[in-house]
Amino acid sequence: MNESTSRIELLKVVSHPARIAILDELSKGVKCVSDFQGFLEISQPNISQHLSALRLAGIIDFFIDGRLRCYFLKNPFILDLLEILKKQYAGELPGPECCPVTKKGTYPGERRR
């Protein structure tokens, strides 16, 4: 599997609102399952399923402290991804002045979707 394919697979695993929230919290430091219950409005078994999927993908890992499982980020790509998701953009990119192939035509502005 090449690097591009592995990042695509990571994006597939990460692409759930609960998982993004979990990763955002883990970017701040080590957390236990009970910590996630405080801000996620999902059941503890559901949180554990999300944590398991993230762990199997190699994105996070855990250590055991007594009866607690303490989770932490493992993959550095996730920090960059979270930064991009938080970034605010001022607007859209401008349309081209003309066709780059024929060098003719003009961009009419608003397009119907």
C-alpha atoms as a PDB file:
ATOM      1  CA  MET A   1       0.000   0.000   0.000  1.00  0.00           C
ATOM      2  CA  ASN A   2       1.496   3.361  -0.986  1.00  0.00           C
ATOM      3  CA  GLU A   3       1.408   6.480   1.180  1.00  0.00           C
ATOM      4  CA  SER A   4      -1.476   8.070  -0.754  1.00  0.00           C
ATOM      5  CA  THR A   5      -3.638   4.953  -0.406  1.00  0.00           C
ATOM      6  CA  SER A   6      -2.910   4.654   3.310  1.00  0.00           C
ATOM      7  CA  ARG A   7      -3.932   8.298   3.881  1.00  0.00           C
ATOM      8  CA  ILE A   8      -7.151   7.690   1.973  1.00  0.00           C
ATOM      9  CA  GLU A   9      -7.860   4.714   4.242  1.00  0.00           C
ATOM     10  CA  LEU A  10      -7.119   6.898   7.293  1.00  0.00           C
ATOM     11  CA  LEU A  11      -9.581   9.511   6.019  1.00  0.00           C
ATOM     12  CA  LYS A  12     -12.255   6.835   5.673  1.00  0.00           C
ATOM     13  CA  VAL A  13     -11.763   5.762   9.288  1.00  0.00           C
ATOM     14  CA  VAL A  14     -11.658   9.325  10.600  1.00  0.00           C
ATOM     15  CA  SER A  15     -14.693  10.572   8.651  1.00  0.00           C
ATOM     16  CA  HIS A  16     -17.265  10.391  11.447  1.00  0.00           C
ATOM     17  CA  PRO A  17     -18.219  13.355  13.670  1.00  0.00           C
ATOM     18  CA  ALA A  18     -17.688  11.361  16.879  1.00  0.00           C
ATOM     19  CA  ARG A  19     -14.244  10.228  15.745  1.00  0.00           C
ATOM     20  CA  ILE A  20     -13.246  13.775  14.801  1.00  0.00           C
ATOM     21  CA  ALA A  21     -14.357  14.920  18.278  1.00  0.00           C
ATOM     22  CA  ILE A  22     -12.398  12.093  19.923  1.00  0.00           C
ATOM     23  CA  LEU A  23      -9.271  12.933  17.937  1.00  0.00           C
ATOM     24  CA  ASP A  24      -9.647  16.631  18.710  1.00  0.00           C
ATOM     25  CA  GLU A  25      -9.714  15.818  22.441  1.00  0.00           C
ATOM     26  CA  LEU A  26      -6.739  13.481  22.110  1.00  0.00           C
ATOM     27  CA  SER A  27      -4.788  16.249  20.374  1.00  0.00           C
ATOM     28  CA  LYS A  28      -4.930  18.024  23.762  1.00  0.00           C
ATOM     29  CA  GLY A  29      -3.500  15.026  25.640  1.00  0.00           C
ATOM     30  CA  VAL A  30      -4.181  11.562  27.047  1.00  0.00           C
ATOM     31  CA  LYS A  31      -7.847  10.739  27.761  1.00  0.00           C
ATOM     32  CA  CYS A  32      -9.767   7.821  29.280  1.00  0.00           C
ATOM     33  CA  VAL A  33     -13.137   6.519  28.042  1.00  0.00           C
ATOM     34  CA  SER A  34     -14.959   8.300  30.881  1.00  0.00           C
ATOM     35  CA  ASP A  35     -13.447  11.617  29.690  1.00  0.00           C
ATOM     36  CA  PHE A  36     -15.149  11.191  26.320  1.00  0.00           C
ATOM     37  CA  GLN A  37     -18.537  10.529  27.904  1.00  0.00           C
ATOM     38  CA  GLY A  38     -18.481  14.061  29.286  1.00  0.00           C
ATOM     39  CA  PHE A  39     -18.734  15.770  25.895  1.00  0.00           C
ATOM     40  CA  LEU A  40     -19.926  13.091  23.443  1.00  0.00           C
ATOM     41  CA  GLU A  41     -23.638  12.416  23.500  1.00  0.00           C
ATOM     42  CA  ILE A  42     -23.262   8.726  22.721  1.00  0.00           C
ATOM     43  CA  SER A  43     -23.156   5.605  24.875  1.00  0.00           C
ATOM     44  CA  GLN A  44     -19.974   4.215  26.406  1.00  0.00           C
ATOM     45  CA  PRO A  45     -20.126   1.062  24.215  1.00  0.00           C
ATOM     46  CA  ASN A  46     -20.433   3.271  21.117  1.00  0.00           C
ATOM     47  CA  ILE A  47     -17.437   5.352  22.243  1.00  0.00           C
ATOM     48  CA  SER A  48     -15.483   2.117  22.719  1.00  0.00           C
ATOM     49  CA  GLN A  49     -16.374   1.027  19.165  1.00  0.00           C
ATOM     50  CA  HIS A  50     -15.060   4.311  17.767  1.00  0.00           C
ATOM     51  CA  LEU A  51     -11.881   4.038  19.844  1.00  0.00           C
ATOM     52  CA  SER A  52     -11.386   0.468  18.650  1.00  0.00           C
ATOM     53  CA  ALA A  53     -11.727   1.464  14.978  1.00  0.00           C
ATOM     54  CA  LEU A  54      -9.228   4.303  15.441  1.00  0.00           C
ATOM     55  CA  ARG A  55      -6.824   1.951  17.234  1.00  0.00           C
ATOM     56  CA  LEU A  56      -7.071  -0.763  14.562  1.00  0.00           C
ATOM     57  CA  ALA A  57      -6.228   1.868  11.937  1.00  0.00           C
ATOM     58  CA  GLY A  58      -3.069   2.785  13.879  1.00  0.00           C
ATOM     59  CA  ILE A  59      -4.299   6.310  14.583  1.00  0.00           C
ATOM     60  CA  ILE A  60      -4.417   5.985  18.373  1.00  0.00           C
ATOM     61  CA  ASP A  61      -3.206   3.577  21.044  1.00  0.00           C
ATOM     62  CA  PHE A  62      -3.711   3.099  24.790  1.00  0.00           C
ATOM     63  CA  PHE A  63      -2.013   2.095  27.994  1.00  0.00           C
ATOM     64  CA  ILE A  64      -3.632   0.582  31.054  1.00  0.00           C
ATOM     65  CA  ASP A  65      -3.537   2.390  34.388  1.00  0.00           C
ATOM     66  CA  GLY A  66      -5.231   0.158  36.943  1.00  0.00           C
ATOM     67  CA  ARG A  67      -8.757  -0.332  35.629  1.00  0.00           C
ATOM     68  CA  LEU A  68      -8.525   2.573  33.170  1.00  0.00           C
ATOM     69  CA  ARG A  69      -7.594   2.513  29.504  1.00  0.00           C
ATOM     70  CA  CYS A  70      -5.881   5.775  28.668  1.00  0.00           C
ATOM     71  CA  TYR A  71      -5.839   6.697  24.967  1.00  0.00           C
ATOM     72  CA  PHE A  72      -3.376   8.882  23.071  1.00  0.00           C
ATOM     73  CA  LEU A  73      -2.692   9.954  19.479  1.00  0.00           C
ATOM     74  CA  LYS A  74      -0.137   7.891  17.606  1.00  0.00           C
ATOM     75  CA  ASN A  75      -0.271   9.102  13.988  1.00  0.00           C
ATOM     76  CA  PRO A  76       1.189  12.617  13.404  1.00  0.00           C
ATOM     77  CA  PHE A  77      -0.868  13.062  10.196  1.00  0.00           C
ATOM     78  CA  ILE A  78      -3.968  13.504  12.379  1.00  0.00           C
ATOM     79  CA  LEU A  79      -2.674  16.741  13.935  1.00  0.00           C
ATOM     80  CA  ASP A  80      -2.261  18.261  10.463  1.00  0.00           C
ATOM     81  CA  LEU A  81      -5.681  16.993   9.419  1.00  0.00           C
ATOM     82  CA  LEU A  82      -7.342  18.540  12.493  1.00  0.00           C
ATOM     83  CA  GLU A  83      -5.661  21.885  11.756  1.00  0.00           C
ATOM     84  CA  ILE A  84      -7.041  21.860   8.204  1.00  0.00           C
ATOM     85  CA  LEU A  85     -10.545  21.021   9.462  1.00  0.00           C
ATOM     86  CA  LYS A  86     -10.440  23.982  11.881  1.00  0.00           C
ATOM     87  CA  LYS A  87      -9.154  26.455   9.300  1.00  0.00           C
ATOM     88  CA  GLN A  88     -11.537  29.195   8.177  1.00  0.00           C
ATOM     89  CA  TYR A  89     -11.546  30.313   4.547  1.00  0.00           C
ATOM     90  CA  ALA A  90     -12.593  33.765   3.351  1.00  0.00           C
ATOM     91  CA  GLY A  91     -14.322  32.664   0.151  1.00  0.00           C
ATOM     92  CA  GLU A  92     -14.093  30.613  -2.988  1.00  0.00           C
ATOM     93  CA  LEU A  93     -11.183  30.484  -5.406  1.00  0.00           C
ATOM     94  CA  PRO A  94     -11.631  32.769  -8.429  1.00  0.00           C
ATOM     95  CA  GLY A  95     -12.809  31.269 -11.714  1.00  0.00           C
ATOM     96  CA  PRO A  96     -10.429  31.111 -14.704  1.00  0.00           C
ATOM     97  CA  GLU A  97     -10.263  34.004 -17.153  1.00  0.00           C
ATOM     98  CA  CYS A  98     -10.544  31.633 -20.116  1.00  0.00           C
ATOM     99  CA  CYS A  99     -10.201  28.000 -21.117  1.00  0.00           C
ATOM    100  CA  PRO A 100      -6.611  26.920 -20.374  1.00  0.00           C
ATOM    101  CA  VAL A 101      -6.594  24.630 -23.452  1.00  0.00           C
ATOM    102  CA  THR A 102      -8.153  26.746 -26.210  1.00  0.00           C
ATOM    103  CA  LYS A 103      -7.376  30.111 -24.616  1.00  0.00           C
ATOM    104  CA  LYS A 104     -10.904  31.169 -25.635  1.00  0.00           C
ATOM    105  CA  GLY A 105     -14.155  31.711 -23.855  1.00  0.00           C
ATOM    106  CA  THR A 106     -14.843  33.478 -20.614  1.00  0.00           C
ATOM    107  CA  TYR A 107     -16.091  32.384 -17.243  1.00  0.00           C
ATOM    108  CA  PRO A 108     -19.689  33.629 -16.979  1.00  0.00           C
ATOM    109  CA  GLY A 109     -19.634  33.989 -13.193  1.00  0.00           C
ATOM    110  CA  GLU A 110     -22.487  32.286 -11.364  1.00  0.00           C
ATOM    111  CA  ARG A 111     -23.151  28.722 -12.475  1.00  0.00           C
ATOM    112  CA  ARG A 112     -26.423  26.887 -12.013  1.00  0.00           C
ATOM    113  CA  ARG A 113     -26.095  23.741  -9.980  1.00  0.00           C
END
